Protein backbone atom coordinates (compact mmCIF):
# COMPACT_ATOMS: atom_id res chain seq x y z
CA UNK A 1 145.93 59.09 64.23
CA UNK A 2 146.32 56.03 61.96
CA UNK A 3 149.71 55.12 60.55
CA UNK A 4 151.04 52.19 58.54
CA UNK A 5 154.82 51.76 58.58
CA UNK A 6 156.34 49.54 55.86
CA UNK A 7 153.45 47.08 56.18
CA UNK A 8 153.56 43.81 54.27
CA UNK A 9 150.83 41.17 54.34
CA UNK A 10 150.53 37.85 52.51
CA UNK A 11 147.63 35.42 52.31
CA UNK A 12 149.37 32.24 51.22
CA UNK A 13 151.03 32.97 47.87
CA UNK A 14 149.11 36.23 47.44
CA UNK A 15 150.98 39.42 48.32
CA UNK A 16 148.16 41.67 49.53
CA UNK A 17 150.28 44.57 50.79
CA UNK A 18 153.85 45.27 49.74
CA UNK A 19 155.66 47.51 52.20
CA UNK A 20 153.01 50.23 52.45
CA UNK A 21 153.71 53.38 54.47
CA UNK A 22 150.70 55.65 54.88
CA UNK A 23 149.50 58.21 57.41
CA UNK A 24 145.79 59.02 57.67
CA UNK A 25 145.51 62.54 59.07
CA UNK A 26 143.70 63.13 62.34
CA UNK A 27 140.25 64.69 61.93
CA UNK A 28 140.26 64.17 58.16
CA UNK A 29 138.72 61.63 55.76
CA UNK A 30 141.07 59.41 53.76
CA UNK A 31 139.53 57.50 50.84
CA UNK A 32 141.28 54.29 49.72
CA UNK A 33 140.45 53.33 46.15
CA UNK A 34 141.63 51.00 43.44
CA UNK A 35 140.64 47.79 41.65
CA UNK A 36 139.54 44.63 43.43
CA UNK A 37 142.38 42.83 45.18
CA UNK A 38 144.62 45.89 45.49
CA UNK A 39 144.74 45.77 49.32
CA UNK A 40 142.14 48.37 50.34
CA UNK A 41 140.08 46.21 52.67
CA UNK A 42 143.18 44.53 54.09
CA UNK A 43 144.38 47.93 55.32
CA UNK A 44 141.14 48.38 57.28
CA UNK A 45 141.28 44.86 58.71
CA UNK A 46 144.83 45.48 59.90
CA UNK A 47 143.78 48.71 61.62
CA UNK A 48 141.07 46.96 63.63
CA UNK A 49 143.25 43.93 64.38
CA UNK A 50 141.31 41.32 62.41
CA UNK A 51 144.55 40.31 60.69
CA UNK A 52 148.18 40.92 61.66
CA UNK A 53 150.93 42.30 59.44
CA UNK A 54 153.74 39.95 58.39
CA UNK A 55 156.17 42.88 58.53
CA UNK A 56 155.98 46.51 59.57
CA UNK A 57 153.50 47.90 62.07
CA UNK A 58 150.13 49.61 62.31
CA UNK A 59 149.62 52.33 64.91
CA UNK A 60 146.49 54.06 66.18
CA UNK A 61 147.23 57.25 68.09
CA UNK A 62 150.82 56.13 68.57
CA UNK A 63 149.95 52.68 69.94
CA UNK A 64 150.77 49.57 67.93
CA UNK A 65 147.72 47.48 67.05
CA UNK A 66 147.91 43.98 68.50
CA UNK A 67 148.65 42.08 71.66
CA UNK A 68 147.59 43.57 74.98
CA UNK A 69 146.53 46.88 73.40
CA UNK A 70 144.05 45.37 70.96
CA UNK A 71 140.89 45.22 73.09
CA UNK A 72 141.27 48.79 74.30
CA UNK A 73 142.03 50.10 70.81
CA UNK A 74 139.01 48.36 69.30
CA UNK A 75 136.70 50.30 71.60
CA UNK A 76 138.11 53.50 70.09
CA UNK A 77 137.43 52.32 66.53
CA UNK A 78 134.09 52.16 64.70
CA UNK A 79 134.04 49.65 61.82
CA UNK A 80 131.39 49.34 59.10
CA UNK A 81 131.96 46.19 57.05
CA UNK A 82 130.76 45.58 53.50
CA UNK A 83 126.95 45.48 53.25
CA UNK A 84 126.61 46.51 56.90
CA UNK A 85 126.84 43.13 58.63
CA UNK A 86 123.83 43.64 60.90
CA UNK A 87 122.74 40.72 63.08
CA UNK A 88 119.48 39.36 61.55
CA UNK A 89 118.08 38.14 64.89
CA UNK A 90 118.32 41.60 66.51
CA UNK A 91 116.15 44.64 65.84
CA UNK A 92 117.59 48.07 65.02
CA UNK A 93 117.98 49.12 68.63
CA UNK A 94 119.48 45.75 69.58
CA UNK A 95 122.07 45.98 66.82
CA UNK A 96 123.06 49.56 67.63
CA UNK A 97 123.29 49.19 71.41
CA UNK A 98 124.86 45.72 71.58
CA UNK A 99 128.38 46.74 72.59
CA UNK A 100 127.20 49.43 75.01
CA UNK A 101 125.06 46.85 76.80
CA UNK A 102 127.95 44.37 76.80
CA UNK A 103 130.16 47.01 78.43
CA UNK A 104 127.56 47.68 81.12
CA UNK A 105 126.44 51.18 80.17
CA UNK A 106 123.52 52.48 82.21
CA UNK A 107 120.11 52.44 80.54
CA UNK A 108 119.77 56.23 80.56
CA UNK A 109 123.15 56.69 78.89
CA UNK A 110 122.26 54.15 76.22
CA UNK A 111 118.89 55.81 75.58
CA UNK A 112 120.46 59.26 75.23
CA UNK A 113 123.16 58.05 72.85
CA UNK A 114 120.69 56.05 70.78
CA UNK A 115 118.37 59.06 70.31
CA UNK A 116 121.37 61.21 69.41
CA UNK A 117 122.47 58.75 66.75
CA UNK A 118 118.99 58.43 65.22
CA UNK A 119 119.00 62.19 64.71
CA UNK A 120 122.57 62.17 63.43
CA UNK A 121 121.90 59.62 60.66
CA UNK A 122 118.39 60.95 59.92
CA UNK A 123 116.33 57.91 60.88
CA UNK A 124 112.92 58.02 62.60
CA UNK A 125 112.51 56.29 65.97
CA UNK A 126 109.81 54.10 64.40
CA UNK A 127 112.53 51.89 62.83
CA UNK A 128 113.75 50.79 66.28
CA UNK A 129 111.77 47.52 66.59
CA UNK A 130 112.35 46.39 63.02
CA UNK A 131 114.74 43.56 62.09
CA UNK A 132 117.26 44.26 59.30
CA UNK A 133 115.24 42.39 56.67
CA UNK A 134 112.40 44.91 57.08
CA UNK A 135 114.65 47.88 56.26
CA UNK A 136 115.61 49.38 52.93
CA UNK A 137 119.23 49.20 51.81
CA UNK A 138 119.80 52.82 52.72
CA UNK A 139 118.26 52.33 56.16
CA UNK A 140 120.46 49.30 56.84
CA UNK A 141 123.56 51.32 56.02
CA UNK A 142 122.46 54.11 58.36
CA UNK A 143 121.87 51.57 61.16
CA UNK A 144 125.31 50.06 60.53
CA UNK A 145 126.80 53.52 60.87
CA UNK A 146 124.90 54.07 64.13
CA UNK A 147 126.30 50.83 65.51
CA UNK A 148 129.85 51.86 64.55
CA UNK A 149 129.37 55.25 66.24
CA UNK A 150 127.65 54.03 69.41
CA UNK A 151 130.80 54.14 71.58
CA UNK A 152 131.80 57.55 70.14
CA UNK A 153 135.00 56.23 68.51
CA UNK A 154 137.95 58.42 67.59
CA UNK A 155 138.58 56.46 64.38
CA UNK A 156 135.88 55.36 61.92
CA UNK A 157 136.58 52.71 59.26
CA UNK A 158 134.11 52.06 56.43
CA UNK A 159 134.55 49.28 53.87
CA UNK A 160 132.53 49.99 50.70
CA UNK A 161 129.71 51.49 52.81
CA UNK A 162 127.57 52.37 49.77
CA UNK A 163 128.64 49.68 47.33
CA UNK A 164 125.42 47.63 47.30
CA UNK A 165 122.99 50.54 46.97
CA UNK A 166 121.14 51.72 43.90
CA UNK A 167 122.43 54.99 42.35
CA UNK A 168 119.73 57.33 43.74
CA UNK A 169 120.08 56.12 47.34
CA UNK A 170 123.86 56.06 46.97
CA UNK A 171 123.93 59.68 45.82
CA UNK A 172 121.74 60.78 48.75
CA UNK A 173 123.87 58.93 51.29
CA UNK A 174 127.13 60.29 49.87
CA UNK A 175 126.09 63.83 50.69
CA UNK A 176 124.64 62.84 54.07
CA UNK A 177 127.91 61.10 54.95
CA UNK A 178 129.94 64.12 53.89
CA UNK A 179 127.91 66.33 56.25
CA UNK A 180 128.18 63.72 58.98
CA UNK A 181 131.96 63.42 58.71
CA UNK A 182 132.31 67.21 58.87
CA UNK A 183 130.15 67.41 62.00
CA UNK A 184 131.91 64.53 63.79
CA UNK A 185 135.45 65.91 63.40
CA UNK A 186 136.80 62.35 63.61
CA UNK A 187 139.46 60.50 61.67
CA UNK A 188 137.70 58.54 58.91
CA UNK A 189 139.14 55.96 56.51
CA UNK A 190 136.85 54.54 53.85
CA UNK A 191 137.21 52.09 50.99
CA UNK A 192 135.57 52.60 47.61
CA UNK A 193 136.02 51.59 43.96
CA UNK A 194 134.49 54.87 42.78
CA UNK A 195 136.79 57.88 42.33
CA UNK A 196 133.85 60.31 42.20
CA UNK A 197 132.59 58.95 45.52
CA UNK A 198 136.11 59.24 46.93
CA UNK A 199 136.17 62.84 45.71
CA UNK A 200 132.88 63.65 47.44
CA UNK A 201 133.78 62.06 50.77
CA UNK A 202 137.57 62.19 50.99
CA UNK A 203 139.92 64.99 51.96
CA UNK A 204 142.78 62.83 50.68
CA UNK A 205 142.60 60.07 48.07
CA UNK A 206 144.95 57.07 48.03
CA UNK A 207 144.98 54.97 44.86
CA UNK A 208 146.35 51.45 45.32
CA UNK A 209 147.50 48.85 42.84
CA UNK A 210 148.69 45.31 43.63
CA UNK A 211 149.39 46.10 47.27
CA UNK A 212 151.26 49.34 46.68
CA UNK A 213 150.34 53.02 46.70
CA UNK A 214 150.29 54.23 43.11
CA UNK A 215 149.43 57.85 43.92
CA UNK A 216 147.90 59.89 46.71
CA UNK A 217 146.60 63.43 46.88
CA UNK A 218 143.50 65.41 45.99
CA UNK A 219 140.97 64.53 43.30
CA UNK A 220 142.42 67.33 41.15
CA UNK A 221 145.93 65.88 41.44
CA UNK A 222 144.82 62.42 40.33
CA UNK A 223 142.82 63.84 37.43
CA UNK A 224 145.25 66.50 36.22
CA UNK A 225 148.66 65.20 37.30
CA UNK A 226 148.61 61.40 37.09
CA UNK A 227 152.00 59.90 37.93
CA UNK A 228 151.71 56.72 35.89
CA UNK A 229 149.86 55.11 33.01
CA UNK A 230 147.84 53.09 35.52
CA UNK A 231 146.56 56.26 37.21
CA UNK A 232 145.58 57.75 33.83
CA UNK A 233 143.76 54.56 32.84
CA UNK A 234 142.00 54.21 36.20
CA UNK A 235 140.80 57.82 36.09
CA UNK A 236 139.73 57.50 32.45
CA UNK A 237 137.65 54.42 33.28
CA UNK A 238 135.67 56.26 35.96
CA UNK A 239 132.58 58.26 35.06
CA UNK A 240 131.66 61.49 36.78
CA UNK A 241 135.04 62.38 38.32
CA UNK A 242 135.76 65.30 35.99
CA UNK A 243 132.23 66.70 36.40
CA UNK A 244 132.57 66.47 40.17
CA UNK A 245 135.86 68.39 40.10
CA UNK A 246 134.27 71.12 37.99
CA UNK A 247 131.38 71.37 40.48
CA UNK A 248 133.83 71.63 43.39
CA UNK A 249 135.82 74.35 41.62
CA UNK A 250 132.66 76.29 40.82
CA UNK A 251 131.48 76.05 44.44
CA UNK A 252 134.88 77.26 45.67
CA UNK A 253 134.72 80.24 43.28
CA UNK A 254 131.25 81.18 44.54
CA UNK A 255 132.46 81.06 48.15
CA UNK A 256 135.39 83.37 47.34
CA UNK A 257 132.99 85.92 45.89
């Protein structure tokens, strides 16, 4: 569904991406992780056409992102930016339905989709007239997700969707997102600094460093078979990853019984 072929991107003297080739499997969740400045968010911005590669190409469903294809591809992509990016002058419903109204959807279709999304992200209809500044952090993230899903996109991109939340709300939303991704059966690519969060949400983990892929695979592979000193150090610096793997293994054992 989403493929990067030998993609290089510079911002002035900064080499953000250095010849990356990566395929994000259709219907699966790929988690991009690594330290700040490693190129995670740049990969998402390339996929939605906010920036263009200096070399290589980015393809969505076999079509190269850019040029005449860009507008049509964007309507097939849902994008949640860091901290949600809701418009402060619009209420919840206005934020969520903005693009559908712009595209001329009929009122009944908009109403049906809006109610469906409220149920999907577990928000009450009473939030509809509220502006973003009257919502909790968790509610704002759920509204941002609704907006990204409004047009029923085939590809969903999330840039640090839970990064600004306190630990309790973050933990709750991690598990809600995991259930949501499973029910949607869409291709999802998300960015996070947290390997435990990547392990909860991602089917495949991709660890980046200085614009290159250091290692990709499952959480178990990164924890138990690190391919470099950097991977070992990154994993060692993260709390909760080993405990999460043990929980996943125990759950798998119970299912087999």
